[in-house]
Amino acid sequence: MVVRIRFQQGPAVRRKGRKNRHLALASAALLTPAALTALVLALWRIGADLGFARAFAIRDGLLSHWQIWLAVSVIIQFAAILLNRYGASEAEAPAAEHAFQHTQSLNNPNSVFQRN
């Protein structure tokens, strides 16, 4: 005797969308000015060391070195890039590419599409 058990078809396995994309994009937008600020502080410290600028505001400690400010700037900008990539939708990329190709075909005089 053979017993067969039939299961119903379950829901299809789907890849879930990325959560909190808007939060990642907002954070990335705020991190870029912070990276720029750290870069300005690094340049100020270099300028102060070379005698082009006034004395640097932080005289002692770890944050008084331009190398630290430059490293902080690079790390913050790298984090902003990663958050922008995380927040970017995969569905928007093909649509943007299609719009770009359509614009290029309209600007090309040898294209199949012709303007009237």
PDB file of N, CA and C in Angstrom:
ATOM      1  N   MET A   1       0.841  -1.162   0.000  1.00  0.00           N
ATOM      2  CA  MET A   1       0.000   0.000   0.000  1.00  0.00           C
ATOM      3  C   MET A   1       0.899   1.244   0.000  1.00  0.00           C
ATOM      4  N   VAL A   2       0.618   2.197  -0.920  1.00  0.00           N
ATOM      5  CA  VAL A   2       1.386   3.428  -1.057  1.00  0.00           C
ATOM      6  C   VAL A   2       0.503   4.596  -0.628  1.00  0.00           C
ATOM      7  N   VAL A   3       1.000   5.368   0.299  1.00  0.00           N
ATOM      8  CA  VAL A   3       0.262   6.530   0.769  1.00  0.00           C
ATOM      9  C   VAL A   3       0.957   7.777   0.230  1.00  0.00           C
ATOM     10  N   ARG A   4       0.190   8.602  -0.461  1.00  0.00           N
ATOM     11  CA  ARG A   4       0.740   9.838  -0.998  1.00  0.00           C
ATOM     12  C   ARG A   4       0.126  11.011  -0.254  1.00  0.00           C
ATOM     13  N   ILE A   5       1.006  11.865   0.171  1.00  0.00           N
ATOM     14  CA  ILE A   5       0.552  13.068   0.848  1.00  0.00           C
ATOM     15  C   ILE A   5       0.766  14.235  -0.100  1.00  0.00           C
ATOM     16  N   ARG A   6      -0.288  14.951  -0.357  1.00  0.00           N
ATOM     17  CA  ARG A   6      -0.195  16.100  -1.249  1.00  0.00           C
ATOM     18  C   ARG A   6      -0.291  17.379  -0.420  1.00  0.00           C
ATOM     19  N   PHE A   7       0.701  18.226  -0.650  1.00  0.00           N
ATOM     20  CA  PHE A   7       0.719  19.511   0.008  1.00  0.00           C
ATOM     21  C   PHE A   7       0.234  20.570  -0.960  1.00  0.00           C
ATOM     22  N   GLN A   8      -0.414  21.574  -0.412  1.00  0.00           N
ATOM     23  CA  GLN A   8      -0.842  22.672  -1.264  1.00  0.00           C
ATOM     24  C   GLN A   8       0.364  23.486  -1.688  1.00  0.00           C
ATOM     25  N   GLN A   9       0.190  24.165  -2.808  1.00  0.00           N
ATOM     26  CA  GLN A   9       1.244  25.050  -3.281  1.00  0.00           C
ATOM     27  C   GLN A   9       1.338  26.238  -2.339  1.00  0.00           C
ATOM     28  N   GLY A  10       2.490  26.458  -1.762  1.00  0.00           N
ATOM     29  CA  GLY A  10       2.693  27.568  -0.827  1.00  0.00           C
ATOM     30  C   GLY A  10       3.008  28.849  -1.572  1.00  0.00           C
ATOM     31  N   PRO A  11       3.160  29.901  -0.834  1.00  0.00           N
ATOM     32  CA  PRO A  11       3.501  31.172  -1.484  1.00  0.00           C
ATOM     33  C   PRO A  11       4.906  31.104  -2.088  1.00  0.00           C
ATOM     34  N   ALA A  12       5.063  31.772  -3.185  1.00  0.00           N
ATOM     35  CA  ALA A  12       6.361  31.772  -3.862  1.00  0.00           C
ATOM     36  C   ALA A  12       7.383  32.503  -2.999  1.00  0.00           C
ATOM     37  N   VAL A  13       8.583  32.008  -3.008  1.00  0.00           N
ATOM     38  CA  VAL A  13       9.645  32.632  -2.256  1.00  0.00           C
ATOM     39  C   VAL A  13      10.084  33.871  -3.025  1.00  0.00           C
ATOM     40  N   ARG A  14      10.015  35.001  -2.354  1.00  0.00           N
ATOM     41  CA  ARG A  14      10.388  36.261  -2.984  1.00  0.00           C
ATOM     42  C   ARG A  14      11.511  36.897  -2.199  1.00  0.00           C
ATOM     43  N   ARG A  15      12.309  37.606  -2.915  1.00  0.00           N
ATOM     44  CA  ARG A  15      13.363  38.360  -2.261  1.00  0.00           C
ATOM     45  C   ARG A  15      12.752  39.621  -1.688  1.00  0.00           C
ATOM     46  N   LYS A  16      12.950  39.799  -0.412  1.00  0.00           N
ATOM     47  CA  LYS A  16      12.370  40.971   0.229  1.00  0.00           C
ATOM     48  C   LYS A  16      13.143  42.220  -0.157  1.00  0.00           C
ATOM     49  N   GLY A  17      12.415  43.307  -0.251  1.00  0.00           N
ATOM     50  CA  GLY A  17      13.051  44.585  -0.542  1.00  0.00           C
ATOM     51  C   GLY A  17      13.889  45.046   0.635  1.00  0.00           C
ATOM     52  N   ARG A  18      14.724  45.973   0.380  1.00  0.00           N
ATOM     53  CA  ARG A  18      15.588  46.475   1.443  1.00  0.00           C
ATOM     54  C   ARG A  18      14.792  47.369   2.363  1.00  0.00           C
ATOM     55  N   LYS A  19      14.980  47.139   3.637  1.00  0.00           N
ATOM     56  CA  LYS A  19      14.248  47.921   4.624  1.00  0.00           C
ATOM     57  C   LYS A  19      14.982  49.224   4.911  1.00  0.00           C
ATOM     58  N   ASN A  20      14.239  50.215   5.286  1.00  0.00           N
ATOM     59  CA  ASN A  20      14.776  51.509   5.712  1.00  0.00           C
ATOM     60  C   ASN A  20      15.683  52.156   4.669  1.00  0.00           C
ATOM     61  N   ARG A  21      15.303  52.029   3.399  1.00  0.00           N
ATOM     62  CA  ARG A  21      16.095  52.672   2.350  1.00  0.00           C
ATOM     63  C   ARG A  21      16.095  54.181   2.518  1.00  0.00           C
ATOM     64  N   HIS A  22      14.961  54.736   2.886  1.00  0.00           N
ATOM     65  CA  HIS A  22      14.869  56.189   3.050  1.00  0.00           C
ATOM     66  C   HIS A  22      15.767  56.668   4.179  1.00  0.00           C
ATOM     67  N   LEU A  23      15.881  55.866   5.240  1.00  0.00           N
ATOM     68  CA  LEU A  23      16.751  56.233   6.343  1.00  0.00           C
ATOM     69  C   LEU A  23      18.222  56.174   5.928  1.00  0.00           C
ATOM     70  N   ALA A  24      18.568  55.180   5.117  1.00  0.00           N
ATOM     71  CA  ALA A  24      19.947  55.070   4.628  1.00  0.00           C
ATOM     72  C   ALA A  24      20.299  56.246   3.728  1.00  0.00           C
ATOM     73  N   LEU A  25      19.376  56.634   2.852  1.00  0.00           N
ATOM     74  CA  LEU A  25      19.643  57.763   1.955  1.00  0.00           C
ATOM     75  C   LEU A  25      19.740  59.079   2.718  1.00  0.00           C
ATOM     76  N   ALA A  26      18.902  59.242   3.735  1.00  0.00           N
ATOM     77  CA  ALA A  26      18.970  60.471   4.538  1.00  0.00           C
ATOM     78  C   ALA A  26      20.280  60.538   5.317  1.00  0.00           C
ATOM     79  N   SER A  27      20.701  59.405   5.862  1.00  0.00           N
ATOM     80  CA  SER A  27      21.968  59.377   6.601  1.00  0.00           C
ATOM     81  C   SER A  27      23.142  59.671   5.682  1.00  0.00           C
ATOM     82  N   ALA A  28      23.110  59.112   4.487  1.00  0.00           N
ATOM     83  CA  ALA A  28      24.189  59.348   3.531  1.00  0.00           C
ATOM     84  C   ALA A  28      24.246  60.819   3.136  1.00  0.00           C
ATOM     85  N   ALA A  29      23.088  61.442   3.002  1.00  0.00           N
ATOM     86  CA  ALA A  29      23.062  62.860   2.651  1.00  0.00           C
ATOM     87  C   ALA A  29      23.646  63.726   3.765  1.00  0.00           C
ATOM     88  N   LEU A  30      23.492  63.297   5.001  1.00  0.00           N
ATOM     89  CA  LEU A  30      24.043  64.057   6.118  1.00  0.00           C
ATOM     90  C   LEU A  30      25.514  63.747   6.371  1.00  0.00           C
ATOM     91  N   LEU A  31      25.969  62.571   5.955  1.00  0.00           N
ATOM     92  CA  LEU A  31      27.360  62.203   6.192  1.00  0.00           C
ATOM     93  C   LEU A  31      28.323  62.911   5.240  1.00  0.00           C
ATOM     94  N   THR A  32      27.878  63.231   4.049  1.00  0.00           N
ATOM     95  CA  THR A  32      28.767  63.896   3.092  1.00  0.00           C
ATOM     96  C   THR A  32      29.232  65.266   3.588  1.00  0.00           C
ATOM     97  N   PRO A  33      28.353  66.127   4.117  1.00  0.00           N
ATOM     98  CA  PRO A  33      28.863  67.384   4.684  1.00  0.00           C
ATOM     99  C   PRO A  33      29.776  67.172   5.892  1.00  0.00           C
ATOM    100  N   ALA A  34      29.516  66.117   6.665  1.00  0.00           N
ATOM    101  CA  ALA A  34      30.396  65.826   7.800  1.00  0.00           C
ATOM    102  C   ALA A  34      31.790  65.433   7.314  1.00  0.00           C
ATOM    103  N   ALA A  35      31.850  64.671   6.228  1.00  0.00           N
ATOM    104  CA  ALA A  35      33.150  64.307   5.654  1.00  0.00           C
ATOM    105  C   ALA A  35      33.866  65.537   5.119  1.00  0.00           C
ATOM    106  N   LEU A  36      33.121  66.428   4.514  1.00  0.00           N
ATOM    107  CA  LEU A  36      33.717  67.660   4.007  1.00  0.00           C
ATOM    108  C   LEU A  36      34.252  68.518   5.152  1.00  0.00           C
ATOM    109  N   THR A  37      33.530  68.560   6.257  1.00  0.00           N
ATOM    110  CA  THR A  37      33.985  69.313   7.427  1.00  0.00           C
ATOM    111  C   THR A  37      35.286  68.739   7.978  1.00  0.00           C
ATOM    112  N   ALA A  38      35.362  67.412   8.058  1.00  0.00           N
ATOM    113  CA  ALA A  38      36.590  66.780   8.535  1.00  0.00           C
ATOM    114  C   ALA A  38      37.755  67.055   7.579  1.00  0.00           C
ATOM    115  N   LEU A  39      37.478  67.085   6.283  1.00  0.00           N
ATOM    116  CA  LEU A  39      38.526  67.400   5.310  1.00  0.00           C
ATOM    117  C   LEU A  39      39.005  68.841   5.470  1.00  0.00           C
ATOM    118  N   VAL A  40      38.083  69.756   5.715  1.00  0.00           N
ATOM    119  CA  VAL A  40      38.462  71.159   5.931  1.00  0.00           C
ATOM    120  C   VAL A  40      39.327  71.290   7.179  1.00  0.00           C
ATOM    121  N   LEU A  41      39.005  70.558   8.231  1.00  0.00           N
ATOM    122  CA  LEU A  41      39.822  70.589   9.438  1.00  0.00           C
ATOM    123  C   LEU A  41      41.223  70.036   9.177  1.00  0.00           C
ATOM    124  N   ALA A  42      41.306  68.988   8.353  1.00  0.00           N
ATOM    125  CA  ALA A  42      42.625  68.442   7.999  1.00  0.00           C
ATOM    126  C   ALA A  42      43.438  69.472   7.217  1.00  0.00           C
ATOM    127  N   LEU A  43      42.792  70.144   6.263  1.00  0.00           N
ATOM    128  CA  LEU A  43      43.499  71.161   5.487  1.00  0.00           C
ATOM    129  C   LEU A  43      43.888  72.361   6.342  1.00  0.00           C
ATOM    130  N   TRP A  44      43.043  72.705   7.303  1.00  0.00           N
ATOM    131  CA  TRP A  44      43.369  73.798   8.213  1.00  0.00           C
ATOM    132  C   TRP A  44      44.606  73.455   9.037  1.00  0.00           C
ATOM    133  N   ARG A  45      44.657  72.201   9.519  1.00  0.00           N
ATOM    134  CA  ARG A  45      45.816  71.795  10.313  1.00  0.00           C
ATOM    135  C   ARG A  45      47.086  71.792   9.459  1.00  0.00           C
ATOM    136  N   ILE A  46      46.978  71.338   8.217  1.00  0.00           N
ATOM    137  CA  ILE A  46      48.149  71.364   7.324  1.00  0.00           C
ATOM    138  C   ILE A  46      48.575  72.811   7.078  1.00  0.00           C
ATOM    139  N   GLY A  47      47.603  73.678   6.834  1.00  0.00           N
ATOM    140  CA  GLY A  47      47.906  75.094   6.621  1.00  0.00           C
ATOM    141  C   GLY A  47      48.530  75.741   7.840  1.00  0.00           C
ATOM    142  N   ALA A  48      48.085  75.361   9.028  1.00  0.00           N
ATOM    143  CA  ALA A  48      48.665  75.902  10.254  1.00  0.00           C
ATOM    144  C   ALA A  48      50.100  75.413  10.433  1.00  0.00           C
ATOM    145  N   ASP A  49      50.355  74.152  10.079  1.00  0.00           N
ATOM    146  CA  ASP A  49      51.717  73.618  10.186  1.00  0.00           C
ATOM    147  C   ASP A  49      52.671  74.307   9.212  1.00  0.00           C
ATOM    148  N   LEU A  50      52.182  74.663   8.043  1.00  0.00           N
ATOM    149  CA  LEU A  50      53.020  75.304   7.034  1.00  0.00           C
ATOM    150  C   LEU A  50      53.094  76.821   7.198  1.00  0.00           C
ATOM    151  N   GLY A  51      52.287  77.363   8.095  1.00  0.00           N
ATOM    152  CA  GLY A  51      52.314  78.794   8.348  1.00  0.00           C
ATOM    153  C   GLY A  51      51.404  79.601   7.450  1.00  0.00           C
ATOM    154  N   PHE A  52      50.514  78.967   6.710  1.00  0.00           N
ATOM    155  CA  PHE A  52      49.584  79.676   5.827  1.00  0.00           C
ATOM    156  C   PHE A  52      48.317  80.117   6.549  1.00  0.00           C
ATOM    157  N   ALA A  53      47.983  79.436   7.639  1.00  0.00           N
ATOM    158  CA  ALA A  53      46.737  79.720   8.355  1.00  0.00           C
ATOM    159  C   ALA A  53      47.049  80.040   9.815  1.00  0.00           C
ATOM    160  N   ARG A  54      46.036  80.524  10.494  1.00  0.00           N
ATOM    161  CA  ARG A  54      46.192  80.791  11.924  1.00  0.00           C
ATOM    162  C   ARG A  54      46.319  79.477  12.682  1.00  0.00           C
ATOM    163  N   ALA A  55      46.553  79.585  13.959  1.00  0.00           N
ATOM    164  CA  ALA A  55      46.730  78.401  14.804  1.00  0.00           C
ATOM    165  C   ALA A  55      45.484  77.523  14.764  1.00  0.00           C
ATOM    166  N   PHE A  56      45.716  76.226  14.763  1.00  0.00           N
ATOM    167  CA  PHE A  56      44.622  75.257  14.736  1.00  0.00           C
ATOM    168  C   PHE A  56      43.895  75.280  16.067  1.00  0.00           C
ATOM    169  N   ALA A  57      42.603  75.082  16.053  1.00  0.00           N
ATOM    170  CA  ALA A  57      41.779  75.215  17.255  1.00  0.00           C
ATOM    171  C   ALA A  57      42.105  74.150  18.308  1.00  0.00           C
ATOM    172  N   ILE A  58      42.464  72.947  17.888  1.00  0.00           N
ATOM    173  CA  ILE A  58      42.765  71.865  18.822  1.00  0.00           C
ATOM    174  C   ILE A  58      44.284  71.748  18.898  1.00  0.00           C
ATOM    175  N   ARG A  59      44.857  72.099  20.033  1.00  0.00           N
ATOM    176  CA  ARG A  59      46.312  72.160  20.152  1.00  0.00           C
ATOM    177  C   ARG A  59      46.931  70.847  20.626  1.00  0.00           C
ATOM    178  N   ASP A  60      46.225  70.108  21.480  1.00  0.00           N
ATOM    179  CA  ASP A  60      46.782  68.886  22.058  1.00  0.00           C
ATOM    180  C   ASP A  60      45.838  67.720  21.826  1.00  0.00           C
ATOM    181  N   GLY A  61      46.405  66.528  21.918  1.00  0.00           N
ATOM    182  CA  GLY A  61      45.586  65.330  21.857  1.00  0.00           C
ATOM    183  C   GLY A  61      45.579  64.688  20.483  1.00  0.00           C
ATOM    184  N   LEU A  62      44.780  63.659  20.379  1.00  0.00           N
ATOM    185  CA  LEU A  62      44.708  62.862  19.153  1.00  0.00           C
ATOM    186  C   LEU A  62      44.140  63.664  17.978  1.00  0.00           C
ATOM    187  N   LEU A  63      43.170  64.512  18.259  1.00  0.00           N
ATOM    188  CA  LEU A  63      42.516  65.270  17.186  1.00  0.00           C
ATOM    189  C   LEU A  63      43.305  66.489  16.735  1.00  0.00           C
ATOM    190  N   SER A  64      44.482  66.663  17.259  1.00  0.00           N
ATOM    191  CA  SER A  64      45.291  67.800  16.821  1.00  0.00           C
ATOM    192  C   SER A  64      46.151  67.460  15.602  1.00  0.00           C
ATOM    193  N   HIS A  65      46.065  66.244  15.087  1.00  0.00           N
ATOM    194  CA  HIS A  65      46.872  65.802  13.944  1.00  0.00           C
ATOM    195  C   HIS A  65      46.029  65.800  12.670  1.00  0.00           C
ATOM    196  N   TRP A  66      46.602  66.282  11.574  1.00  0.00           N
ATOM    197  CA  TRP A  66      45.864  66.348  10.319  1.00  0.00           C
ATOM    198  C   TRP A  66      45.600  64.963   9.744  1.00  0.00           C
ATOM    199  N   GLN A  67      46.461  64.004  10.041  1.00  0.00           N
ATOM    200  CA  GLN A  67      46.271  62.653   9.523  1.00  0.00           C
ATOM    201  C   GLN A  67      44.988  62.020  10.065  1.00  0.00           C
ATOM    202  N   ILE A  68      44.691  62.312  11.316  1.00  0.00           N
ATOM    203  CA  ILE A  68      43.468  61.771  11.925  1.00  0.00           C
ATOM    204  C   ILE A  68      42.239  62.359  11.231  1.00  0.00           C
ATOM    205  N   TRP A  69      42.252  63.672  11.009  1.00  0.00           N
ATOM    206  CA  TRP A  69      41.110  64.313  10.363  1.00  0.00           C
ATOM    207  C   TRP A  69      40.931  63.815   8.926  1.00  0.00           C
ATOM    208  N   LEU A  70      42.019  63.591   8.235  1.00  0.00           N
ATOM    209  CA  LEU A  70      41.932  63.075   6.869  1.00  0.00           C
ATOM    210  C   LEU A  70      41.373  61.656   6.860  1.00  0.00           C
ATOM    211  N   ALA A  71      41.831  60.826   7.793  1.00  0.00           N
ATOM    212  CA  ALA A  71      41.321  59.456   7.890  1.00  0.00           C
ATOM    213  C   ALA A  71      39.835  59.446   8.250  1.00  0.00           C
ATOM    214  N   VAL A  72      39.441  60.317   9.167  1.00  0.00           N
ATOM    215  CA  VAL A  72      38.025  60.409   9.536  1.00  0.00           C
ATOM    216  C   VAL A  72      37.192  60.839   8.334  1.00  0.00           C
ATOM    217  N   SER A  73      37.699  61.767   7.569  1.00  0.00           N
ATOM    218  CA  SER A  73      36.987  62.229   6.373  1.00  0.00           C
ATOM    219  C   SER A  73      36.789  61.101   5.367  1.00  0.00           C
ATOM    220  N   VAL A  74      37.830  60.337   5.135  1.00  0.00           N
ATOM    221  CA  VAL A  74      37.738  59.228   4.177  1.00  0.00           C
ATOM    222  C   VAL A  74      36.764  58.160   4.678  1.00  0.00           C
ATOM    223  N   ILE A  75      36.825  57.839   5.947  1.00  0.00           N
ATOM    224  CA  ILE A  75      35.938  56.809   6.510  1.00  0.00           C
ATOM    225  C   ILE A  75      34.478  57.253   6.448  1.00  0.00           C
ATOM    226  N   ILE A  76      34.220  58.510   6.774  1.00  0.00           N
ATOM    227  CA  ILE A  76      32.842  59.009   6.730  1.00  0.00           C
ATOM    228  C   ILE A  76      32.313  59.018   5.296  1.00  0.00           C
ATOM    229  N   GLN A  77      33.123  59.434   4.343  1.00  0.00           N
ATOM    230  CA  GLN A  77      32.673  59.457   2.954  1.00  0.00           C
ATOM    231  C   GLN A  77      32.452  58.045   2.429  1.00  0.00           C
ATOM    232  N   PHE A  78      33.295  57.102   2.837  1.00  0.00           N
ATOM    233  CA  PHE A  78      33.106  55.705   2.441  1.00  0.00           C
ATOM    234  C   PHE A  78      31.787  55.164   3.002  1.00  0.00           C
ATOM    235  N   ALA A  79      31.478  55.508   4.247  1.00  0.00           N
ATOM    236  CA  ALA A  79      30.204  55.085   4.836  1.00  0.00           C
ATOM    237  C   ALA A  79      29.027  55.707   4.081  1.00  0.00           C
ATOM    238  N   ALA A  80      29.165  56.956   3.654  1.00  0.00           N
ATOM    239  CA  ALA A  80      28.101  57.602   2.886  1.00  0.00           C
ATOM    240  C   ALA A  80      27.894  56.902   1.546  1.00  0.00           C
ATOM    241  N   ILE A  81      28.979  56.495   0.906  1.00  0.00           N
ATOM    242  CA  ILE A  81      28.872  55.774  -0.365  1.00  0.00           C
ATOM    243  C   ILE A  81      28.166  54.437  -0.167  1.00  0.00           C
ATOM    244  N   LEU A  82      28.532  53.722   0.889  1.00  0.00           N
ATOM    245  CA  LEU A  82      27.886  52.439   1.169  1.00  0.00           C
ATOM    246  C   LEU A  82      26.402  52.613   1.461  1.00  0.00           C
ATOM    247  N   LEU A  83      26.048  53.635   2.213  1.00  0.00           N
ATOM    248  CA  LEU A  83      24.635  53.879   2.503  1.00  0.00           C
ATOM    249  C   LEU A  83      23.864  54.283   1.253  1.00  0.00           C
ATOM    250  N   ASN A  84      24.494  55.046   0.366  1.00  0.00           N
ATOM    251  CA  ASN A  84      23.832  55.385  -0.902  1.00  0.00           C
ATOM    252  C   ASN A  84      23.590  54.150  -1.745  1.00  0.00           C
ATOM    253  N   ARG A  85      24.543  53.246  -1.777  1.00  0.00           N
ATOM    254  CA  ARG A  85      24.354  52.006  -2.537  1.00  0.00           C
ATOM    255  C   ARG A  85      23.281  51.135  -1.912  1.00  0.00           C
ATOM    256  N   TYR A  86      23.248  51.091  -0.585  1.00  0.00           N
ATOM    257  CA  TYR A  86      22.225  50.302   0.091  1.00  0.00           C
ATOM    258  C   TYR A  86      20.841  50.883  -0.161  1.00  0.00           C
ATOM    259  N   GLY A  87      20.743  52.193  -0.137  1.00  0.00           N
ATOM    260  CA  GLY A  87      19.451  52.837  -0.292  1.00  0.00           C
ATOM    261  C   GLY A  87      18.946  52.895  -1.717  1.00  0.00           C
ATOM    262  N   ALA A  88      19.834  52.729  -2.675  1.00  0.00           N
ATOM    263  CA  ALA A  88      19.418  52.797  -4.080  1.00  0.00           C
ATOM    264  C   ALA A  88      18.612  51.551  -4.433  1.00  0.00           C
ATOM    265  N   SER A  89      17.546  51.769  -5.139  1.00  0.00           N
ATOM    266  CA  SER A  89      16.676  50.666  -5.535  1.00  0.00           C
ATOM    267  C   SER A  89      17.199  50.007  -6.799  1.00  0.00           C
ATOM    268  N   GLU A  90      17.117  48.680  -6.834  1.00  0.00           N
ATOM    269  CA  GLU A  90      17.517  47.960  -8.048  1.00  0.00           C
ATOM    270  C   GLU A  90      16.533  48.207  -9.181  1.00  0.00           C
ATOM    271  N   ALA A  91      15.286  48.497  -8.848  1.00  0.00           N
ATOM    272  CA  ALA A  91      14.273  48.713  -9.878  1.00  0.00           C
ATOM    273  C   ALA A  91      14.458  50.053 -10.573  1.00  0.00           C
ATOM    274  N   GLU A  92      15.071  51.011  -9.916  1.00  0.00           N
ATOM    275  CA  GLU A  92      15.253  52.323 -10.521  1.00  0.00           C
ATOM    276  C   GLU A  92      16.358  52.328 -11.565  1.00  0.00           C
ATOM    277  N   ALA A  93      17.335  51.455 -11.425  1.00  0.00           N
ATOM    278  CA  ALA A  93      18.469  51.445 -12.350  1.00  0.00           C
ATOM    279  C   ALA A  93      18.051  51.076 -13.774  1.00  0.00           C
ATOM    280  N   PRO A  94      17.276  50.000 -14.008  1.00  0.00           N
ATOM    281  CA  PRO A  94      16.869  49.708 -15.389  1.00  0.00           C
ATOM    282  C   PRO A  94      15.982  50.793 -15.981  1.00  0.00           C
ATOM    283  N   ALA A  95      15.120  51.405 -15.183  1.00  0.00           N
ATOM    284  CA  ALA A  95      14.258  52.466 -15.696  1.00  0.00           C
ATOM    285  C   ALA A  95      15.082  53.672 -16.124  1.00  0.00           C
ATOM    286  N   ALA A  96      16.098  54.004 -15.334  1.00  0.00           N
ATOM    287  CA  ALA A  96      16.960  55.127 -15.694  1.00  0.00           C
ATOM    288  C   ALA A  96      17.752  54.806 -16.958  1.00  0.00           C
ATOM    289  N   GLU A  97      18.197  53.572 -17.091  1.00  0.00           N
ATOM    290  CA  GLU A  97      18.951  53.181 -18.289  1.00  0.00           C
ATOM    291  C   GLU A  97      18.058  53.239 -19.526  1.00  0.00           C
ATOM    292  N   HIS A  98      16.801  52.821 -19.383  1.00  0.00           N
ATOM    293  CA  HIS A  98      15.873  52.877 -20.507  1.00  0.00           C
ATOM    294  C   HIS A  98      15.620  54.329 -20.919  1.00  0.00           C
ATOM    295  N   ALA A  99      15.460  55.212 -19.958  1.00  0.00           N
ATOM    296  CA  ALA A  99      15.243  56.629 -20.264  1.00  0.00           C
ATOM    297  C   ALA A  99      16.465  57.223 -20.955  1.00  0.00           C
ATOM    298  N   PHE A 100      17.665  56.827 -20.516  1.00  0.00           N
ATOM    299  CA  PHE A 100      18.890  57.318 -21.142  1.00  0.00           C
ATOM    300  C   PHE A 100      18.984  56.839 -22.589  1.00  0.00           C
ATOM    301  N   GLN A 101      18.668  55.581 -22.838  1.00  0.00           N
ATOM    302  CA  GLN A 101      18.719  55.051 -24.204  1.00  0.00           C
ATOM    303  C   GLN A 101      17.689  55.739 -25.085  1.00  0.00           C
ATOM    304  N   HIS A 102      16.512  56.021 -24.532  1.00  0.00           N
ATOM    305  CA  HIS A 102      15.481  56.701 -25.311  1.00  0.00           C
ATOM    306  C   HIS A 102      15.931  58.119 -25.664  1.00  0.00           C
ATOM    307  N   THR A 103      16.565  58.807 -24.732  1.00  0.00           N
ATOM    308  CA  THR A 103      17.068  60.147 -24.998  1.00  0.00           C
ATOM    309  C   THR A 103      18.160  60.113 -26.054  1.00  0.00           C
ATOM    310  N   GLN A 104      19.032  59.127 -25.982  1.00  0.00           N
ATOM    311  CA  GLN A 104      20.098  59.009 -26.972  1.00  0.00           C
ATOM    312  C   GLN A 104      19.532  58.718 -28.358  1.00  0.00           C
ATOM    313  N   SER A 105      18.471  57.895 -28.420  1.00  0.00           N
ATOM    314  CA  SER A 105      17.897  57.594 -29.728  1.00  0.00           C
ATOM    315  C   SER A 105      17.209  58.820 -30.330  1.00  0.00           C
ATOM    316  N   LEU A 106      16.664  59.694 -29.490  1.00  0.00           N
ATOM    317  CA  LEU A 106      16.037  60.907 -30.014  1.00  0.00           C
ATOM    318  C   LEU A 106      17.082  61.894 -30.519  1.00  0.00           C
ATOM    319  N   ASN A 107      18.252  61.912 -29.906  1.00  0.00           N
ATOM    320  CA  ASN A 107      19.307  62.842 -30.314  1.00  0.00           C
ATOM    321  C   ASN A 107      20.113  62.338 -31.499  1.00  0.00           C
ATOM    322  N   ASN A 108      20.004  61.077 -31.810  1.00  0.00           N
ATOM    323  CA  ASN A 108      20.765  60.482 -32.902  1.00  0.00           C
ATOM    324  C   ASN A 108      20.004  60.689 -34.218  1.00  0.00           C
ATOM    325  N   PRO A 109      20.584  61.385 -35.207  1.00  0.00           N
ATOM    326  CA  PRO A 109      19.853  61.620 -36.457  1.00  0.00           C
ATOM    327  C   PRO A 109      19.690  60.350 -37.293  1.00  0.00           C
ATOM    328  N   ASN A 110      20.517  59.323 -37.076  1.00  0.00           N
ATOM    329  CA  ASN A 110      20.428  58.077 -37.830  1.00  0.00           C
ATOM    330  C   ASN A 110      19.532  57.066 -37.153  1.00  0.00           C
ATOM    331  N   SER A 111      18.787  57.489 -36.138  1.00  0.00           N
ATOM    332  CA  SER A 111      17.990  56.554 -35.382  1.00  0.00           C
ATOM    333  C   SER A 111      16.739  56.170 -36.156  1.00  0.00           C
ATOM    334  N   VAL A 112      16.117  55.088 -35.724  1.00  0.00           N
ATOM    335  CA  VAL A 112      14.897  54.621 -36.349  1.00  0.00           C
ATOM    336  C   VAL A 112      13.767  55.587 -36.060  1.00  0.00           C
ATOM    337  N   PHE A 113      13.792  56.160 -34.869  1.00  0.00           N
ATOM    338  CA  PHE A 113      12.779  57.133 -34.484  1.00  0.00           C
ATOM    339  C   PHE A 113      13.084  58.452 -35.188  1.00  0.00           C
ATOM    340  N   GLN A 114      12.076  59.048 -35.771  1.00  0.00           N
ATOM    341  CA  GLN A 114      12.275  60.333 -36.401  1.00  0.00           C
ATOM    342  C   GLN A 114      11.252  61.312 -35.872  1.00  0.00           C
ATOM    343  N   ARG A 115      11.712  62.546 -35.703  1.00  0.00           N
ATOM    344  CA  ARG A 115      10.827  63.589 -35.225  1.00  0.00           C
ATOM    345  C   ARG A 115      10.103  64.234 -36.403  1.00  0.00           C
ATOM    346  N   ASN A 116       8.897  64.671 -36.153  1.00  0.00           N
ATOM    347  CA  ASN A 116       8.126  65.353 -37.195  1.00  0.00           C
ATOM    348  C   ASN A 116       8.110  66.825 -36.942  1.00  0.00           C
TER     349      ASN A 116
END
